[in-house]
Amino acid sequence: MSSHFFAYLARMRLIRRWSLMRNRWPENIQEHSHRVALLAHALAIIANRIYGKNLDAERAAFLALLHDASEVMTGDLPTPVKYFDAKIREAYGDIEKAASRRLLDALPPEFRPEYEASFFPKEDDADCWRLVRAADKLCAWLKCLEELGGGNREFAPAETAIKKQLADLKMAEIDYFLEHFAPGFSLALDELGPPLPEPV
């Protein structure tokens, strides 16, 4: 019997984010998940190297890669709709769980244990999921910066709101990233460093 799990995941590239807003650079959930994985991994490395923690960077990156995978079945419900009230949030949560179960069930049974925590978080992964959620917010804020840098004021209110949410997390890893890595996202390519040398 064939499995359609990876065929479903390949459709992540078809699900657009920020659908209620004008985008200069449209973003799909596959691109977003890749960026969140890079950032979750980076936050774990910062936590370990700078703050003496012992977090599993590779695990955080893997969980991040699939953190929005259920949206191949549900679509990306815009945040203002998803959080409009408690009833909608609860109903959408139930839909997400059902979609996650359907995706997981698309795998042969012998593979499901390897992927289950990506769809149904386990207590053992609590620290990693904290990094994934923080990286998800950080990724959204960086998207706002990029849009604003391209002259798209549509993202100004979101940038302000998400920057406050990042501060409210009170995570040293986030503060470190914002100080040391975030400024480059507002620079032009030629401002990032010296150009490549001329070919000989």
N, C-alpha and C. Protein backbone atom coordinates (compact mmCIF):
# COMPACT_ATOMS: atom_id res chain seq x y z
N MET A 1 0.84 -1.20 0.00
CA MET A 1 0.00 0.00 0.00
C MET A 1 0.88 1.25 0.00
N SER A 2 0.57 2.21 -0.86
CA SER A 2 1.39 3.42 -0.95
C SER A 2 0.96 4.43 0.12
N SER A 3 1.92 5.29 0.47
CA SER A 3 1.67 6.35 1.45
C SER A 3 1.69 7.70 0.76
N HIS A 4 0.77 8.57 1.14
CA HIS A 4 0.69 9.89 0.52
C HIS A 4 1.24 11.00 1.42
N PHE A 5 1.91 10.63 2.51
CA PHE A 5 2.39 11.60 3.50
C PHE A 5 3.27 12.68 2.86
N PHE A 6 4.28 12.26 2.12
CA PHE A 6 5.21 13.23 1.56
C PHE A 6 4.61 13.99 0.38
N ALA A 7 3.64 13.38 -0.29
CA ALA A 7 2.92 14.10 -1.35
C ALA A 7 2.09 15.24 -0.74
N TYR A 8 1.49 14.96 0.43
CA TYR A 8 0.79 16.03 1.14
C TYR A 8 1.76 17.16 1.52
N LEU A 9 2.91 16.78 2.11
CA LEU A 9 3.87 17.79 2.56
C LEU A 9 4.38 18.64 1.40
N ALA A 10 4.50 18.04 0.22
CA ALA A 10 4.95 18.79 -0.95
C ALA A 10 4.00 19.93 -1.29
N ARG A 11 2.76 19.84 -0.83
CA ARG A 11 1.77 20.88 -1.10
C ARG A 11 1.91 22.09 -0.17
N MET A 12 2.84 22.02 0.77
CA MET A 12 3.06 23.17 1.64
C MET A 12 3.41 24.41 0.82
N ARG A 13 4.06 24.20 -0.32
CA ARG A 13 4.45 25.34 -1.14
C ARG A 13 3.26 26.05 -1.76
N LEU A 14 2.08 25.43 -1.73
CA LEU A 14 0.88 26.01 -2.33
C LEU A 14 0.07 26.85 -1.35
N ILE A 15 0.39 26.78 -0.06
CA ILE A 15 -0.42 27.46 0.96
C ILE A 15 0.21 28.81 1.28
N ARG A 16 -0.49 29.87 0.92
CA ARG A 16 0.03 31.23 1.13
C ARG A 16 -0.21 31.72 2.54
N ARG A 17 0.76 32.47 3.06
CA ARG A 17 0.61 33.14 4.34
C ARG A 17 0.22 34.60 4.11
N TRP A 18 -0.22 35.26 5.19
CA TRP A 18 -0.56 36.69 5.14
C TRP A 18 -1.59 36.99 4.06
N SER A 19 -2.58 36.15 3.94
CA SER A 19 -3.49 36.24 2.80
C SER A 19 -4.39 37.48 2.81
N LEU A 20 -4.58 38.10 3.96
CA LEU A 20 -5.43 39.29 4.02
C LEU A 20 -4.65 40.58 3.76
N MET A 21 -3.33 40.45 3.59
CA MET A 21 -2.49 41.64 3.46
C MET A 21 -1.80 41.68 2.10
N ARG A 22 -1.59 42.92 1.62
CA ARG A 22 -0.85 43.09 0.38
C ARG A 22 0.62 42.77 0.64
N ASN A 23 1.16 41.87 -0.14
CA ASN A 23 2.55 41.42 0.02
C ASN A 23 3.39 41.82 -1.18
N ARG A 24 4.55 42.40 -0.93
CA ARG A 24 5.51 42.60 -2.02
C ARG A 24 6.17 41.27 -2.37
N TRP A 25 6.39 40.44 -1.35
CA TRP A 25 7.03 39.14 -1.55
C TRP A 25 6.14 38.07 -0.92
N PRO A 26 5.24 37.49 -1.70
CA PRO A 26 4.37 36.45 -1.15
C PRO A 26 5.20 35.31 -0.53
N GLU A 27 4.66 34.74 0.53
CA GLU A 27 5.38 33.70 1.28
C GLU A 27 4.45 32.51 1.45
N ASN A 28 4.96 31.31 1.21
CA ASN A 28 4.16 30.11 1.44
C ASN A 28 4.65 29.41 2.71
N ILE A 29 3.88 28.42 3.17
CA ILE A 29 4.23 27.81 4.46
C ILE A 29 5.47 26.91 4.36
N GLN A 30 5.83 26.49 3.16
CA GLN A 30 7.07 25.72 3.03
C GLN A 30 8.28 26.64 3.26
N GLU A 31 8.27 27.80 2.62
CA GLU A 31 9.34 28.78 2.85
C GLU A 31 9.38 29.20 4.32
N HIS A 32 8.22 29.49 4.84
CA HIS A 32 8.12 29.93 6.23
C HIS A 32 8.67 28.86 7.18
N SER A 33 8.31 27.61 6.97
CA SER A 33 8.76 26.54 7.86
C SER A 33 10.27 26.35 7.80
N HIS A 34 10.83 26.52 6.63
CA HIS A 34 12.29 26.45 6.49
C HIS A 34 12.96 27.56 7.30
N ARG A 35 12.43 28.76 7.21
CA ARG A 35 13.00 29.88 7.97
C ARG A 35 12.83 29.68 9.47
N VAL A 36 11.65 29.19 9.88
CA VAL A 36 11.43 28.93 11.31
C VAL A 36 12.40 27.87 11.81
N ALA A 37 12.66 26.85 10.99
CA ALA A 37 13.60 25.80 11.39
C ALA A 37 15.01 26.37 11.58
N LEU A 38 15.44 27.22 10.66
CA LEU A 38 16.76 27.86 10.80
C LEU A 38 16.84 28.70 12.07
N LEU A 39 15.77 29.44 12.34
CA LEU A 39 15.77 30.32 13.51
C LEU A 39 15.66 29.55 14.81
N ALA A 40 14.85 28.49 14.84
CA ALA A 40 14.74 27.66 16.05
C ALA A 40 16.10 27.03 16.36
N HIS A 41 16.76 26.55 15.32
CA HIS A 41 18.10 25.97 15.48
C HIS A 41 19.06 27.03 16.03
N ALA A 42 19.01 28.23 15.45
CA ALA A 42 19.90 29.31 15.90
C ALA A 42 19.63 29.69 17.35
N LEU A 43 18.36 29.77 17.74
CA LEU A 43 18.03 30.12 19.12
C LEU A 43 18.55 29.07 20.09
N ALA A 44 18.49 27.81 19.69
CA ALA A 44 19.04 26.74 20.54
C ALA A 44 20.55 26.87 20.67
N ILE A 45 21.23 27.18 19.57
CA ILE A 45 22.69 27.35 19.61
C ILE A 45 23.04 28.54 20.51
N ILE A 46 22.30 29.64 20.37
CA ILE A 46 22.53 30.80 21.24
C ILE A 46 22.34 30.41 22.70
N ALA A 47 21.25 29.70 22.98
CA ALA A 47 20.96 29.28 24.35
C ALA A 47 22.10 28.43 24.92
N ASN A 48 22.63 27.54 24.08
CA ASN A 48 23.68 26.63 24.54
C ASN A 48 25.03 27.32 24.68
N ARG A 49 25.42 28.08 23.67
CA ARG A 49 26.77 28.66 23.65
C ARG A 49 26.89 29.92 24.50
N ILE A 50 25.83 30.71 24.56
CA ILE A 50 25.90 31.99 25.27
C ILE A 50 25.36 31.87 26.69
N TYR A 51 24.31 31.08 26.87
CA TYR A 51 23.63 31.05 28.17
C TYR A 51 23.76 29.71 28.91
N GLY A 52 24.63 28.82 28.40
CA GLY A 52 24.96 27.60 29.12
C GLY A 52 23.85 26.58 29.23
N LYS A 53 22.87 26.64 28.34
CA LYS A 53 21.79 25.65 28.37
C LYS A 53 22.21 24.41 27.59
N ASN A 54 21.35 23.42 27.59
CA ASN A 54 21.63 22.17 26.89
C ASN A 54 20.40 21.77 26.08
N LEU A 55 20.13 22.51 25.01
CA LEU A 55 18.94 22.29 24.19
C LEU A 55 19.32 21.56 22.91
N ASP A 56 18.39 20.78 22.40
CA ASP A 56 18.62 19.98 21.20
C ASP A 56 18.26 20.79 19.96
N ALA A 57 19.27 21.42 19.36
CA ALA A 57 19.04 22.31 18.21
C ALA A 57 18.48 21.55 17.02
N GLU A 58 18.98 20.35 16.77
CA GLU A 58 18.50 19.58 15.62
C GLU A 58 17.03 19.16 15.81
N ARG A 59 16.67 18.80 17.02
CA ARG A 59 15.28 18.43 17.30
C ARG A 59 14.36 19.62 17.09
N ALA A 60 14.78 20.78 17.59
CA ALA A 60 13.97 21.99 17.41
C ALA A 60 13.78 22.30 15.93
N ALA A 61 14.85 22.15 15.14
CA ALA A 61 14.75 22.42 13.71
C ALA A 61 13.79 21.45 13.03
N PHE A 62 13.85 20.18 13.41
CA PHE A 62 12.96 19.19 12.80
C PHE A 62 11.50 19.48 13.13
N LEU A 63 11.22 19.77 14.40
CA LEU A 63 9.84 20.09 14.79
C LEU A 63 9.34 21.32 14.03
N ALA A 64 10.23 22.30 13.85
CA ALA A 64 9.85 23.53 13.15
C ALA A 64 9.50 23.26 11.69
N LEU A 65 10.20 22.34 11.07
CA LEU A 65 9.94 22.05 9.65
C LEU A 65 8.50 21.62 9.41
N LEU A 66 7.89 20.99 10.41
CA LEU A 66 6.54 20.46 10.24
C LEU A 66 5.49 21.18 11.09
N HIS A 67 5.87 22.30 11.71
CA HIS A 67 4.96 22.91 12.68
C HIS A 67 3.66 23.43 12.05
N ASP A 68 3.66 23.74 10.77
CA ASP A 68 2.45 24.20 10.08
C ASP A 68 1.96 23.21 9.04
N ALA A 69 2.45 21.98 9.08
CA ALA A 69 2.14 21.01 8.02
C ALA A 69 0.65 20.72 7.91
N SER A 70 -0.09 20.78 9.01
CA SER A 70 -1.53 20.48 8.95
C SER A 70 -2.27 21.46 8.04
N GLU A 71 -1.65 22.60 7.73
CA GLU A 71 -2.30 23.59 6.88
C GLU A 71 -2.43 23.14 5.43
N VAL A 72 -1.78 22.03 5.05
CA VAL A 72 -2.01 21.50 3.70
C VAL A 72 -3.44 21.01 3.57
N MET A 73 -4.10 20.79 4.72
CA MET A 73 -5.50 20.37 4.70
C MET A 73 -6.45 21.48 5.13
N THR A 74 -5.99 22.37 5.98
CA THR A 74 -6.87 23.41 6.52
C THR A 74 -6.70 24.76 5.85
N GLY A 75 -5.58 24.97 5.17
CA GLY A 75 -5.22 26.30 4.71
C GLY A 75 -4.67 27.10 5.89
N ASP A 76 -4.17 28.29 5.61
CA ASP A 76 -3.64 29.17 6.65
C ASP A 76 -4.73 30.16 7.04
N LEU A 77 -5.36 29.92 8.16
CA LEU A 77 -6.41 30.84 8.62
C LEU A 77 -5.74 32.11 9.16
N PRO A 78 -6.10 33.28 8.64
CA PRO A 78 -5.45 34.51 9.09
C PRO A 78 -5.61 34.71 10.60
N THR A 79 -4.56 35.24 11.22
CA THR A 79 -4.53 35.42 12.67
C THR A 79 -5.74 36.19 13.20
N PRO A 80 -6.16 37.31 12.58
CA PRO A 80 -7.33 38.03 13.13
C PRO A 80 -8.59 37.18 13.17
N VAL A 81 -8.71 36.24 12.23
CA VAL A 81 -9.87 35.34 12.22
C VAL A 81 -9.69 34.25 13.26
N LYS A 82 -8.51 33.64 13.27
CA LYS A 82 -8.23 32.51 14.18
C LYS A 82 -8.43 32.90 15.64
N TYR A 83 -8.05 34.13 15.98
CA TYR A 83 -8.13 34.56 17.38
C TYR A 83 -9.26 35.56 17.62
N PHE A 84 -10.26 35.54 16.74
CA PHE A 84 -11.37 36.48 16.88
C PHE A 84 -12.09 36.30 18.22
N ASP A 85 -12.35 35.05 18.58
CA ASP A 85 -12.89 34.78 19.92
C ASP A 85 -12.54 33.34 20.31
N ALA A 86 -12.81 33.00 21.55
CA ALA A 86 -12.40 31.70 22.09
C ALA A 86 -13.07 30.54 21.36
N LYS A 87 -14.32 30.72 20.94
CA LYS A 87 -15.03 29.63 20.26
C LYS A 87 -14.39 29.31 18.91
N ILE A 88 -14.04 30.34 18.17
CA ILE A 88 -13.40 30.12 16.87
C ILE A 88 -12.04 29.47 17.07
N ARG A 89 -11.27 29.97 18.05
CA ARG A 89 -9.94 29.40 18.29
C ARG A 89 -10.05 27.92 18.68
N GLU A 90 -11.02 27.59 19.52
CA GLU A 90 -11.19 26.20 19.95
C GLU A 90 -11.63 25.31 18.79
N ALA A 91 -12.56 25.82 17.97
CA ALA A 91 -13.04 25.04 16.82
C ALA A 91 -11.91 24.82 15.82
N TYR A 92 -11.13 25.87 15.58
CA TYR A 92 -10.02 25.72 14.63
C TYR A 92 -8.96 24.78 15.19
N GLY A 93 -8.75 24.82 16.51
CA GLY A 93 -7.82 23.88 17.15
C GLY A 93 -8.25 22.44 16.91
N ASP A 94 -9.54 22.18 17.00
CA ASP A 94 -10.06 20.84 16.74
C ASP A 94 -9.83 20.43 15.29
N ILE A 95 -10.02 21.38 14.38
CA ILE A 95 -9.79 21.10 12.96
C ILE A 95 -8.32 20.80 12.72
N GLU A 96 -7.43 21.59 13.34
CA GLU A 96 -5.98 21.35 13.20
C GLU A 96 -5.60 19.96 13.70
N LYS A 97 -6.16 19.56 14.84
CA LYS A 97 -5.87 18.22 15.39
C LYS A 97 -6.35 17.13 14.45
N ALA A 98 -7.55 17.30 13.89
CA ALA A 98 -8.07 16.30 12.95
C ALA A 98 -7.19 16.21 11.70
N ALA A 99 -6.75 17.37 11.20
CA ALA A 99 -5.86 17.39 10.03
C ALA A 99 -4.52 16.74 10.36
N SER A 100 -4.00 17.02 11.54
CA SER A 100 -2.73 16.42 11.96
C SER A 100 -2.86 14.90 12.05
N ARG A 101 -3.97 14.43 12.62
CA ARG A 101 -4.19 12.99 12.74
C ARG A 101 -4.28 12.35 11.35
N ARG A 102 -4.96 13.02 10.43
CA ARG A 102 -5.09 12.48 9.08
C ARG A 102 -3.73 12.40 8.39
N LEU A 103 -2.92 13.45 8.57
CA LEU A 103 -1.58 13.45 7.99
C LEU A 103 -0.74 12.32 8.58
N LEU A 104 -0.74 12.21 9.89
CA LEU A 104 0.05 11.17 10.55
C LEU A 104 -0.40 9.78 10.10
N ASP A 105 -1.70 9.60 9.96
CA ASP A 105 -2.24 8.31 9.53
C ASP A 105 -1.90 7.99 8.08
N ALA A 106 -1.44 8.99 7.32
CA ALA A 106 -1.02 8.75 5.94
C ALA A 106 0.33 8.02 5.88
N LEU A 107 1.03 7.97 7.01
CA LEU A 107 2.29 7.24 7.09
C LEU A 107 2.03 5.77 7.41
N PRO A 108 2.88 4.88 6.93
CA PRO A 108 2.79 3.49 7.40
C PRO A 108 2.99 3.46 8.92
N PRO A 109 2.32 2.56 9.62
CA PRO A 109 2.37 2.54 11.09
C PRO A 109 3.77 2.51 11.67
N GLU A 110 4.70 1.82 11.00
CA GLU A 110 6.05 1.69 11.56
C GLU A 110 6.84 3.00 11.55
N PHE A 111 6.37 4.01 10.77
CA PHE A 111 7.06 5.29 10.71
C PHE A 111 6.43 6.35 11.62
N ARG A 112 5.20 6.11 12.04
CA ARG A 112 4.45 7.15 12.78
C ARG A 112 5.13 7.62 14.06
N PRO A 113 5.75 6.74 14.85
CA PRO A 113 6.38 7.23 16.09
C PRO A 113 7.44 8.30 15.86
N GLU A 114 8.13 8.26 14.71
CA GLU A 114 9.17 9.24 14.43
C GLU A 114 8.60 10.63 14.17
N TYR A 115 7.35 10.69 13.73
CA TYR A 115 6.75 11.96 13.32
C TYR A 115 5.66 12.45 14.27
N GLU A 116 5.21 11.60 15.16
CA GLU A 116 4.05 11.93 15.98
C GLU A 116 4.21 13.21 16.77
N ALA A 117 5.38 13.42 17.36
CA ALA A 117 5.60 14.62 18.19
C ALA A 117 5.57 15.90 17.36
N SER A 118 5.76 15.78 16.05
CA SER A 118 5.68 16.97 15.19
C SER A 118 4.25 17.46 15.04
N PHE A 119 3.29 16.55 15.25
CA PHE A 119 1.89 16.91 15.10
C PHE A 119 1.16 16.97 16.44
N PHE A 120 1.63 16.18 17.39
CA PHE A 120 1.03 16.14 18.72
C PHE A 120 2.15 16.28 19.75
N PRO A 121 2.45 17.53 20.16
CA PRO A 121 3.61 17.79 21.02
C PRO A 121 3.62 16.95 22.28
N LYS A 122 4.82 16.49 22.62
CA LYS A 122 5.03 15.70 23.83
C LYS A 122 5.79 16.53 24.86
N GLU A 123 5.57 16.21 26.12
CA GLU A 123 6.20 16.96 27.21
C GLU A 123 7.73 16.94 27.09
N ASP A 124 8.27 15.83 26.60
CA ASP A 124 9.73 15.72 26.45
C ASP A 124 10.29 16.81 25.54
N ASP A 125 9.48 17.30 24.64
CA ASP A 125 9.93 18.30 23.67
C ASP A 125 9.53 19.72 24.05
N ALA A 126 9.12 19.94 25.29
CA ALA A 126 8.59 21.26 25.69
C ALA A 126 9.59 22.38 25.41
N ASP A 127 10.86 22.16 25.73
CA ASP A 127 11.87 23.20 25.49
C ASP A 127 12.04 23.49 24.00
N CYS A 128 12.01 22.43 23.21
CA CYS A 128 12.15 22.62 21.77
C CYS A 128 10.94 23.35 21.19
N TRP A 129 9.73 22.99 21.65
CA TRP A 129 8.54 23.67 21.15
C TRP A 129 8.53 25.14 21.55
N ARG A 130 9.07 25.44 22.72
CA ARG A 130 9.18 26.85 23.14
C ARG A 130 10.05 27.61 22.13
N LEU A 131 11.14 26.99 21.69
CA LEU A 131 12.01 27.62 20.69
C LEU A 131 11.28 27.76 19.35
N VAL A 132 10.51 26.75 18.97
CA VAL A 132 9.79 26.80 17.70
C VAL A 132 8.77 27.94 17.72
N ARG A 133 8.02 28.06 18.81
CA ARG A 133 7.03 29.15 18.90
C ARG A 133 7.72 30.52 18.86
N ALA A 134 8.85 30.64 19.54
CA ALA A 134 9.58 31.90 19.52
C ALA A 134 10.12 32.19 18.12
N ALA A 135 10.66 31.17 17.47
CA ALA A 135 11.19 31.34 16.12
C ALA A 135 10.08 31.70 15.14
N ASP A 136 8.89 31.15 15.35
CA ASP A 136 7.73 31.46 14.50
C ASP A 136 7.40 32.95 14.60
N LYS A 137 7.38 33.46 15.82
CA LYS A 137 7.12 34.90 16.03
C LYS A 137 8.24 35.74 15.41
N LEU A 138 9.48 35.32 15.64
CA LEU A 138 10.63 36.04 15.12
C LEU A 138 10.58 36.08 13.59
N CYS A 139 10.22 34.96 12.99
CA CYS A 139 10.10 34.90 11.54
C CYS A 139 9.03 35.86 11.03
N ALA A 140 7.91 35.94 11.73
CA ALA A 140 6.83 36.86 11.34
C ALA A 140 7.31 38.31 11.43
N TRP A 141 8.08 38.62 12.50
CA TRP A 141 8.58 39.98 12.65
C TRP A 141 9.57 40.33 11.54
N LEU A 142 10.45 39.39 11.18
CA LEU A 142 11.42 39.63 10.11
C LEU A 142 10.71 39.82 8.78
N LYS A 143 9.63 39.08 8.57
CA LYS A 143 8.82 39.28 7.35
C LYS A 143 8.29 40.71 7.31
N CYS A 144 7.81 41.20 8.45
CA CYS A 144 7.32 42.59 8.53
C CYS A 144 8.43 43.57 8.18
N LEU A 145 9.63 43.34 8.72
CA LEU A 145 10.77 44.22 8.43
C LEU A 145 11.05 44.27 6.93
N GLU A 146 11.05 43.09 6.31
CA GLU A 146 11.35 43.03 4.88
C GLU A 146 10.30 43.79 4.06
N GLU A 147 9.03 43.61 4.43
CA GLU A 147 7.97 44.31 3.71
C GLU A 147 8.08 45.83 3.92
N LEU A 148 8.35 46.23 5.16
CA LEU A 148 8.52 47.66 5.43
C LEU A 148 9.72 48.23 4.68
N GLY A 149 10.80 47.44 4.62
CA GLY A 149 11.99 47.88 3.90
C GLY A 149 11.75 48.05 2.42
N GLY A 150 10.75 47.34 1.90
CA GLY A 150 10.37 47.48 0.50
C GLY A 150 9.30 48.53 0.28
N GLY A 151 9.00 49.30 1.33
CA GLY A 151 8.04 50.39 1.20
C GLY A 151 6.59 50.00 1.42
N ASN A 152 6.35 48.80 1.91
CA ASN A 152 4.98 48.33 2.11
C ASN A 152 4.55 48.63 3.55
N ARG A 153 3.84 49.74 3.74
CA ARG A 153 3.40 50.17 5.06
C ARG A 153 2.27 49.31 5.62
N GLU A 154 1.72 48.42 4.79
CA GLU A 154 0.67 47.52 5.23
C GLU A 154 1.09 46.71 6.46
N PHE A 155 2.40 46.47 6.59
CA PHE A 155 2.91 45.62 7.66
C PHE A 155 3.34 46.41 8.91
N ALA A 156 3.15 47.72 8.92
CA ALA A 156 3.60 48.53 10.06
C ALA A 156 2.89 48.16 11.36
N PRO A 157 1.56 48.05 11.39
CA PRO A 157 0.91 47.67 12.66
C PRO A 157 1.33 46.28 13.13
N ALA A 158 1.47 45.33 12.19
CA ALA A 158 1.88 43.98 12.57
C ALA A 158 3.29 43.99 13.15
N GLU A 159 4.18 44.78 12.55
CA GLU A 159 5.56 44.85 13.06
C GLU A 159 5.59 45.32 14.50
N THR A 160 4.82 46.35 14.81
CA THR A 160 4.77 46.88 16.18
C THR A 160 4.21 45.85 17.15
N ALA A 161 3.12 45.21 16.76
CA ALA A 161 2.48 44.23 17.64
C ALA A 161 3.37 43.02 17.89
N ILE A 162 4.01 42.52 16.83
CA ILE A 162 4.84 41.32 16.97
C ILE A 162 6.12 41.64 17.74
N LYS A 163 6.67 42.83 17.57
CA LYS A 163 7.87 43.22 18.33
C LYS A 163 7.55 43.21 19.83
N LYS A 164 6.35 43.67 20.20
CA LYS A 164 5.95 43.63 21.61
C LYS A 164 5.79 42.19 22.09
N GLN A 165 5.20 41.34 21.25
CA GLN A 165 5.04 39.93 21.62
C GLN A 165 6.40 39.27 21.83
N LEU A 166 7.39 39.61 21.01
CA LEU A 166 8.73 39.07 21.20
C LEU A 166 9.32 39.53 22.54
N ALA A 167 9.13 40.81 22.87
CA ALA A 167 9.63 41.32 24.15
C ALA A 167 8.94 40.63 25.31
N ASP A 168 7.64 40.36 25.16
CA ASP A 168 6.87 39.72 26.23
C ASP A 168 7.32 38.28 26.50
N LEU A 169 7.98 37.66 25.53
CA LEU A 169 8.48 36.29 25.73
C LEU A 169 9.58 36.25 26.80
N LYS A 170 10.28 37.38 26.95
CA LYS A 170 11.37 37.48 27.94
C LYS A 170 12.36 36.32 27.78
N MET A 171 12.80 36.14 26.55
CA MET A 171 13.78 35.09 26.24
C MET A 171 15.10 35.74 25.89
N ALA A 172 16.13 35.41 26.64
CA ALA A 172 17.46 35.97 26.39
C ALA A 172 17.94 35.63 24.99
N GLU A 173 17.56 34.45 24.49
CA GLU A 173 17.99 34.04 23.16
C GLU A 173 17.42 34.96 22.09
N ILE A 174 16.17 35.37 22.27
CA ILE A 174 15.55 36.31 21.33
C ILE A 174 16.25 37.66 21.40
N ASP A 175 16.48 38.14 22.61
CA ASP A 175 17.15 39.44 22.77
C ASP A 175 18.52 39.42 22.10
N TYR A 176 19.24 38.32 22.26
CA TYR A 176 20.58 38.20 21.65
C TYR A 176 20.46 38.24 20.13
N PHE A 177 19.50 37.49 19.59
CA PHE A 177 19.31 37.46 18.13
C PHE A 177 18.97 38.86 17.62
N LEU A 178 18.06 39.55 18.32
CA LEU A 178 17.66 40.88 17.88
C LEU A 178 18.83 41.85 17.88
N GLU A 179 19.71 41.72 18.84
CA GLU A 179 20.87 42.62 18.92
C GLU A 179 21.93 42.29 17.89
N HIS A 180 22.22 41.00 17.71
CA HIS A 180 23.39 40.61 16.91
C HIS A 180 23.07 40.19 15.47
N PHE A 181 21.89 39.71 15.21
CA PHE A 181 21.59 39.19 13.87
C PHE A 181 20.50 39.95 13.13
N ALA A 182 19.53 40.49 13.84
CA ALA A 182 18.40 41.13 13.16
C ALA A 182 18.77 42.37 12.35
N PRO A 183 19.76 43.19 12.79
CA PRO A 183 20.03 44.41 12.01
C PRO A 183 20.34 44.17 10.54
N GLY A 184 20.93 43.04 10.21
CA GLY A 184 21.27 42.75 8.82
C GLY A 184 20.07 42.63 7.90
N PHE A 185 18.92 42.32 8.48
CA PHE A 185 17.72 42.15 7.66
C PHE A 185 17.20 43.48 7.10
N SER A 186 17.69 44.58 7.62
CA SER A 186 17.26 45.90 7.13
C SER A 186 18.27 46.49 6.16
N LEU A 187 19.32 45.75 5.83
CA LEU A 187 20.37 46.27 4.96
C LEU A 187 20.19 45.81 3.52
N ALA A 188 20.70 46.61 2.61
CA ALA A 188 20.76 46.20 1.21
C ALA A 188 21.90 45.20 1.04
N LEU A 189 21.88 44.45 -0.05
CA LEU A 189 22.88 43.41 -0.28
C LEU A 189 24.30 43.97 -0.18
N ASP A 190 24.55 45.11 -0.81
CA ASP A 190 25.90 45.68 -0.81
C ASP A 190 26.33 46.16 0.57
N GLU A 191 25.36 46.34 1.48
CA GLU A 191 25.68 46.78 2.84
C GLU A 191 26.01 45.61 3.76
N LEU A 192 25.75 44.39 3.31
CA LEU A 192 25.97 43.23 4.16
C LEU A 192 27.45 42.87 4.30
N GLY A 193 28.25 43.33 3.38
CA GLY A 193 29.69 43.03 3.47
C GLY A 193 30.35 43.33 2.14
N PRO A 194 31.65 43.13 2.09
CA PRO A 194 32.36 43.43 0.84
C PRO A 194 31.87 42.51 -0.28
N PRO A 195 31.87 43.01 -1.51
CA PRO A 195 31.44 42.17 -2.62
C PRO A 195 32.42 41.04 -2.86
N LEU A 196 31.98 40.05 -3.61
CA LEU A 196 32.88 38.96 -3.97
C LEU A 196 34.04 39.50 -4.80
N PRO A 197 35.22 38.90 -4.65
CA PRO A 197 36.35 39.39 -5.46
C PRO A 197 36.11 39.15 -6.95
N GLU A 198 36.72 40.00 -7.76
CA GLU A 198 36.63 39.84 -9.20
C GLU A 198 37.28 38.51 -9.61
N PRO A 199 36.69 37.81 -10.57
CA PRO A 199 37.33 36.56 -11.04
C PRO A 199 38.70 36.85 -11.63
N VAL A 200 39.60 35.93 -11.43
CA VAL A 200 40.98 36.12 -11.95
C VAL A 200 41.04 35.70 -13.40
